[in-house]
Amino acid sequence: MTCQDCRHFFITHEARYPYSCRAMRFKSARMPGEDVREASGQPCLHFQPRLSRRAARADRA
């Protein structure tokens, strides 16, 4: 389970804080999941698998 596989993860255009999480509403210099684990001692509880492009298209239809 990594941030890159989560539907809430995205890359920002800010050089100092290039990684962000929509669910937790914060930006970070590291992967957001690392910050969550460091702060709480638990893995991110907002993780949701990213949909494949085919599944995303099916959801819209």
PDB file of N, CA and C in Angstrom:
ATOM      1  N   MET A   1       0.849  -1.163   0.000  1.00  0.00           N
ATOM      2  CA  MET A   1       0.000   0.000   0.000  1.00  0.00           C
ATOM      3  C   MET A   1       0.903   1.238   0.000  1.00  0.00           C
ATOM      4  N   THR A   2       0.929   1.930  -1.124  1.00  0.00           N
ATOM      5  CA  THR A   2       1.745   3.129  -1.232  1.00  0.00           C
ATOM      6  C   THR A   2       0.878   4.291  -1.707  1.00  0.00           C
ATOM      7  N   CYS A   3       1.343   5.485  -1.472  1.00  0.00           N
ATOM      8  CA  CYS A   3       0.591   6.676  -1.877  1.00  0.00           C
ATOM      9  C   CYS A   3       0.324   6.690  -3.381  1.00  0.00           C
ATOM     10  N   GLN A   4       1.264   6.235  -4.172  1.00  0.00           N
ATOM     11  CA  GLN A   4       1.088   6.268  -5.627  1.00  0.00           C
ATOM     12  C   GLN A   4      -0.087   5.399  -6.072  1.00  0.00           C
ATOM     13  N   ASP A   5      -0.476   4.430  -5.265  1.00  0.00           N
ATOM     14  CA  ASP A   5      -1.577   3.539  -5.612  1.00  0.00           C
ATOM     15  C   ASP A   5      -2.915   4.018  -5.053  1.00  0.00           C
ATOM     16  N   CYS A   6      -2.928   5.169  -4.399  1.00  0.00           N
ATOM     17  CA  CYS A   6      -4.133   5.685  -3.747  1.00  0.00           C
ATOM     18  C   CYS A   6      -4.820   6.729  -4.619  1.00  0.00           C
ATOM     19  N   ARG A   7      -6.146   6.719  -4.622  1.00  0.00           N
ATOM     20  CA  ARG A   7      -6.898   7.673  -5.437  1.00  0.00           C
ATOM     21  C   ARG A   7      -6.807   9.098  -4.912  1.00  0.00           C
ATOM     22  N   HIS A   8      -6.398   9.301  -3.660  1.00  0.00           N
ATOM     23  CA  HIS A   8      -6.312  10.634  -3.073  1.00  0.00           C
ATOM     24  C   HIS A   8      -4.962  11.322  -3.313  1.00  0.00           C
ATOM     25  N   PHE A   9      -3.975  10.579  -3.737  1.00  0.00           N
ATOM     26  CA  PHE A   9      -2.625  11.103  -3.943  1.00  0.00           C
ATOM     27  C   PHE A   9      -2.537  11.884  -5.249  1.00  0.00           C
ATOM     28  N   PHE A  10      -1.819  13.014  -5.216  1.00  0.00           N
ATOM     29  CA  PHE A  10      -1.518  13.728  -6.454  1.00  0.00           C
ATOM     30  C   PHE A  10      -0.233  14.530  -6.304  1.00  0.00           C
ATOM     31  N   ILE A  11       0.337  14.887  -7.441  1.00  0.00           N
ATOM     32  CA  ILE A  11       1.569  15.666  -7.500  1.00  0.00           C
ATOM     33  C   ILE A  11       1.185  17.135  -7.660  1.00  0.00           C
ATOM     34  N   THR A  12       1.792  17.989  -6.844  1.00  0.00           N
ATOM     35  CA  THR A  12       1.529  19.427  -6.948  1.00  0.00           C
ATOM     36  C   THR A  12       2.560  20.062  -7.877  1.00  0.00           C
ATOM     37  N   HIS A  13       2.432  21.333  -8.094  1.00  0.00           N
ATOM     38  CA  HIS A  13       3.404  22.073  -8.901  1.00  0.00           C
ATOM     39  C   HIS A  13       4.322  22.914  -8.028  1.00  0.00           C
ATOM     40  N   GLU A  14       4.323  22.645  -6.738  1.00  0.00           N
ATOM     41  CA  GLU A  14       5.164  23.382  -5.807  1.00  0.00           C
ATOM     42  C   GLU A  14       6.459  22.623  -5.567  1.00  0.00           C
ATOM     43  N   ALA A  15       7.572  23.280  -5.788  1.00  0.00           N
ATOM     44  CA  ALA A  15       8.871  22.621  -5.662  1.00  0.00           C
ATOM     45  C   ALA A  15       9.149  22.160  -4.224  1.00  0.00           C
ATOM     46  N   ARG A  16       8.732  22.942  -3.232  1.00  0.00           N
ATOM     47  CA  ARG A  16       9.008  22.592  -1.831  1.00  0.00           C
ATOM     48  C   ARG A  16       8.098  21.489  -1.313  1.00  0.00           C
ATOM     49  N   TYR A  17       6.868  21.407  -1.835  1.00  0.00           N
ATOM     50  CA  TYR A  17       5.894  20.410  -1.381  1.00  0.00           C
ATOM     51  C   TYR A  17       5.269  19.722  -2.587  1.00  0.00           C
ATOM     52  N   PRO A  18       6.005  18.805  -3.201  1.00  0.00           N
ATOM     53  CA  PRO A  18       5.524  18.222  -4.453  1.00  0.00           C
ATOM     54  C   PRO A  18       4.444  17.146  -4.310  1.00  0.00           C
ATOM     55  N   TYR A  19       4.215  16.615  -3.097  1.00  0.00           N
ATOM     56  CA  TYR A  19       3.265  15.526  -2.920  1.00  0.00           C
ATOM     57  C   TYR A  19       2.091  15.982  -2.070  1.00  0.00           C
ATOM     58  N   SER A  20       0.899  15.499  -2.401  1.00  0.00           N
ATOM     59  CA  SER A  20      -0.272  15.926  -1.659  1.00  0.00           C
ATOM     60  C   SER A  20      -1.293  14.803  -1.547  1.00  0.00           C
ATOM     61  N   CYS A  21      -2.148  14.947  -0.529  1.00  0.00           N
ATOM     62  CA  CYS A  21      -3.225  13.998  -0.286  1.00  0.00           C
ATOM     63  C   CYS A  21      -4.535  14.773  -0.211  1.00  0.00           C
ATOM     64  N   ARG A  22      -5.471  14.440  -1.082  1.00  0.00           N
ATOM     65  CA  ARG A  22      -6.763  15.124  -1.080  1.00  0.00           C
ATOM     66  C   ARG A  22      -7.584  14.765   0.157  1.00  0.00           C
ATOM     67  N   ALA A  23      -7.517  13.535   0.608  1.00  0.00           N
ATOM     68  CA  ALA A  23      -8.308  13.093   1.757  1.00  0.00           C
ATOM     69  C   ALA A  23      -7.864  13.782   3.046  1.00  0.00           C
ATOM     70  N   MET A  24      -6.555  13.924   3.235  1.00  0.00           N
ATOM     71  CA  MET A  24      -6.036  14.527   4.456  1.00  0.00           C
ATOM     72  C   MET A  24      -5.839  16.036   4.306  1.00  0.00           C
ATOM     73  N   ARG A  25      -5.934  16.530   3.067  1.00  0.00           N
ATOM     74  CA  ARG A  25      -5.816  17.954   2.758  1.00  0.00           C
ATOM     75  C   ARG A  25      -4.508  18.567   3.252  1.00  0.00           C
ATOM     76  N   PHE A  26      -3.393  17.925   2.860  1.00  0.00           N
ATOM     77  CA  PHE A  26      -2.100  18.531   3.153  1.00  0.00           C
ATOM     78  C   PHE A  26      -1.097  18.206   2.067  1.00  0.00           C
ATOM     79  N   LYS A  27      -0.057  19.043   2.000  1.00  0.00           N
ATOM     80  CA  LYS A  27       1.040  18.870   1.056  1.00  0.00           C
ATOM     81  C   LYS A  27       2.275  18.535   1.859  1.00  0.00           C
ATOM     82  N   SER A  28       3.217  17.846   1.206  1.00  0.00           N
ATOM     83  CA  SER A  28       4.401  17.399   1.922  1.00  0.00           C
ATOM     84  C   SER A  28       5.596  17.313   0.992  1.00  0.00           C
ATOM     85  N   ALA A  29       6.764  17.403   1.591  1.00  0.00           N
ATOM     86  CA  ALA A  29       7.998  17.198   0.843  1.00  0.00           C
ATOM     87  C   ALA A  29       8.258  15.700   0.667  1.00  0.00           C
ATOM     88  N   ARG A  30       7.656  14.894   1.533  1.00  0.00           N
ATOM     89  CA  ARG A  30       7.766  13.428   1.443  1.00  0.00           C
ATOM     90  C   ARG A  30       6.412  12.857   1.036  1.00  0.00           C
ATOM     91  N   MET A  31       6.364  11.561   0.842  1.00  0.00           N
ATOM     92  CA  MET A  31       5.087  10.926   0.566  1.00  0.00           C
ATOM     93  C   MET A  31       4.175  11.143   1.776  1.00  0.00           C
ATOM     94  N   PRO A  32       2.930  11.544   1.546  1.00  0.00           N
ATOM     95  CA  PRO A  32       2.032  11.809   2.665  1.00  0.00           C
ATOM     96  C   PRO A  32       1.879  10.625   3.623  1.00  0.00           C
ATOM     97  N   GLY A  33       1.908   9.424   3.098  1.00  0.00           N
ATOM     98  CA  GLY A  33       1.793   8.240   3.946  1.00  0.00           C
ATOM     99  C   GLY A  33       2.919   8.128   4.960  1.00  0.00           C
ATOM    100  N   GLU A  34       4.105   8.587   4.591  1.00  0.00           N
ATOM    101  CA  GLU A  34       5.237   8.575   5.523  1.00  0.00           C
ATOM    102  C   GLU A  34       4.983   9.540   6.678  1.00  0.00           C
ATOM    103  N   ASP A  35       4.448  10.712   6.366  1.00  0.00           N
ATOM    104  CA  ASP A  35       4.139  11.686   7.414  1.00  0.00           C
ATOM    105  C   ASP A  35       3.048  11.160   8.339  1.00  0.00           C
ATOM    106  N   VAL A  36       2.041  10.504   7.781  1.00  0.00           N
ATOM    107  CA  VAL A  36       0.951   9.955   8.588  1.00  0.00           C
ATOM    108  C   VAL A  36       1.484   8.876   9.525  1.00  0.00           C
ATOM    109  N   ARG A  37       2.305   7.971   8.987  1.00  0.00           N
ATOM    110  CA  ARG A  37       2.859   6.891   9.814  1.00  0.00           C
ATOM    111  C   ARG A  37       3.744   7.451  10.923  1.00  0.00           C
ATOM    112  N   GLU A  38       4.530   8.456  10.619  1.00  0.00           N
ATOM    113  CA  GLU A  38       5.408   9.056  11.623  1.00  0.00           C
ATOM    114  C   GLU A  38       4.600   9.744  12.730  1.00  0.00           C
ATOM    115  N   ALA A  39       3.533  10.440  12.354  1.00  0.00           N
ATOM    116  CA  ALA A  39       2.737  11.188  13.328  1.00  0.00           C
ATOM    117  C   ALA A  39       1.840  10.291  14.180  1.00  0.00           C
ATOM    118  N   SER A  40       1.258   9.256  13.565  1.00  0.00           N
ATOM    119  CA  SER A  40       0.282   8.438  14.287  1.00  0.00           C
ATOM    120  C   SER A  40       0.777   7.050  14.672  1.00  0.00           C
ATOM    121  N   GLY A  41       1.823   6.587  13.980  1.00  0.00           N
ATOM    122  CA  GLY A  41       2.307   5.235  14.236  1.00  0.00           C
ATOM    123  C   GLY A  41       1.487   4.169  13.516  1.00  0.00           C
ATOM    124  N   GLN A  42       0.535   4.597  12.683  1.00  0.00           N
ATOM    125  CA  GLN A  42      -0.330   3.673  11.944  1.00  0.00           C
ATOM    126  C   GLN A  42      -0.279   4.007  10.459  1.00  0.00           C
ATOM    127  N   PRO A  43      -0.607   3.037   9.617  1.00  0.00           N
ATOM    128  CA  PRO A  43      -0.690   3.347   8.191  1.00  0.00           C
ATOM    129  C   PRO A  43      -1.880   4.269   7.936  1.00  0.00           C
ATOM    130  N   CYS A  44      -1.895   4.917   6.807  1.00  0.00           N
ATOM    131  CA  CYS A  44      -2.972   5.838   6.459  1.00  0.00           C
ATOM    132  C   CYS A  44      -4.310   5.097   6.402  1.00  0.00           C
ATOM    133  N   LEU A  45      -5.302   5.623   7.094  1.00  0.00           N
ATOM    134  CA  LEU A  45      -6.621   5.003   7.126  1.00  0.00           C
ATOM    135  C   LEU A  45      -7.524   5.497   5.997  1.00  0.00           C
ATOM    136  N   HIS A  46      -7.046   6.459   5.213  1.00  0.00           N
ATOM    137  CA  HIS A  46      -7.820   6.993   4.097  1.00  0.00           C
ATOM    138  C   HIS A  46      -7.462   6.339   2.766  1.00  0.00           C
ATOM    139  N   PHE A  47      -6.569   5.365   2.786  1.00  0.00           N
ATOM    140  CA  PHE A  47      -6.127   4.726   1.542  1.00  0.00           C
ATOM    141  C   PHE A  47      -7.312   4.093   0.819  1.00  0.00           C
ATOM    142  N   GLN A  48      -7.449   4.413  -0.466  1.00  0.00           N
ATOM    143  CA  GLN A  48      -8.415   3.772  -1.348  1.00  0.00           C
ATOM    144  C   GLN A  48      -7.692   3.491  -2.657  1.00  0.00           C
ATOM    145  N   PRO A  49      -7.753   2.274  -3.137  1.00  0.00           N
ATOM    146  CA  PRO A  49      -7.033   1.947  -4.374  1.00  0.00           C
ATOM    147  C   PRO A  49      -7.469   2.832  -5.531  1.00  0.00           C
ATOM    148  N   ARG A  50      -6.496   3.223  -6.315  1.00  0.00           N
ATOM    149  CA  ARG A  50      -6.761   4.033  -7.509  1.00  0.00           C
ATOM    150  C   ARG A  50      -7.492   3.156  -8.514  1.00  0.00           C
ATOM    151  N   LEU A  51      -8.511   3.700  -9.146  1.00  0.00           N
ATOM    152  CA  LEU A  51      -9.231   2.958 -10.170  1.00  0.00           C
ATOM    153  C   LEU A  51      -8.415   2.912 -11.455  1.00  0.00           C
ATOM    154  N   SER A  52      -8.515   1.813 -12.145  1.00  0.00           N
ATOM    155  CA  SER A  52      -7.864   1.746 -13.452  1.00  0.00           C
ATOM    156  C   SER A  52      -8.619   2.674 -14.398  1.00  0.00           C
ATOM    157  N   ARG A  53      -8.018   3.048 -15.480  1.00  0.00           N
ATOM    158  CA  ARG A  53      -8.679   3.949 -16.427  1.00  0.00           C
ATOM    159  C   ARG A  53      -9.965   3.338 -16.966  1.00  0.00           C
ATOM    160  N   ARG A  54      -9.951   2.040 -17.203  1.00  0.00           N
ATOM    161  CA  ARG A  54     -11.139   1.356 -17.712  1.00  0.00           C
ATOM    162  C   ARG A  54     -12.261   1.405 -16.673  1.00  0.00           C
ATOM    163  N   ALA A  55     -11.944   1.155 -15.416  1.00  0.00           N
ATOM    164  CA  ALA A  55     -12.954   1.197 -14.360  1.00  0.00           C
ATOM    165  C   ALA A  55     -13.464   2.608 -14.146  1.00  0.00           C
ATOM    166  N   ALA A  56     -12.593   3.596 -14.271  1.00  0.00           N
ATOM    167  CA  ALA A  56     -13.008   4.987 -14.113  1.00  0.00           C
ATOM    168  C   ALA A  56     -13.998   5.382 -15.210  1.00  0.00           C
ATOM    169  N   ARG A  57     -13.744   4.948 -16.416  1.00  0.00           N
ATOM    170  CA  ARG A  57     -14.667   5.235 -17.524  1.00  0.00           C
ATOM    171  C   ARG A  57     -16.015   4.570 -17.286  1.00  0.00           C
ATOM    172  N   ALA A  58     -16.014   3.354 -16.784  1.00  0.00           N
ATOM    173  CA  ALA A  58     -17.249   2.633 -16.507  1.00  0.00           C
ATOM    174  C   ALA A  58     -18.056   3.327 -15.408  1.00  0.00           C
ATOM    175  N   ASP A  59     -17.378   3.910 -14.435  1.00  0.00           N
ATOM    176  CA  ASP A  59     -18.064   4.632 -13.356  1.00  0.00           C
ATOM    177  C   ASP A  59     -18.774   5.874 -13.867  1.00  0.00           C
ATOM    178  N   ARG A  60     -18.202   6.511 -14.877  1.00  0.00           N
ATOM    179  CA  ARG A  60     -18.799   7.739 -15.415  1.00  0.00           C
ATOM    180  C   ARG A  60     -20.014   7.460 -16.277  1.00  0.00           C
ATOM    181  N   ALA A  61     -20.074   6.276 -16.863  1.00  0.00           N
ATOM    182  CA  ALA A  61     -21.162   5.948 -17.793  1.00  0.00           C
ATOM    183  C   ALA A  61     -22.459   5.622 -17.099  1.00  0.00           C
TER     184      ALA A  61
END
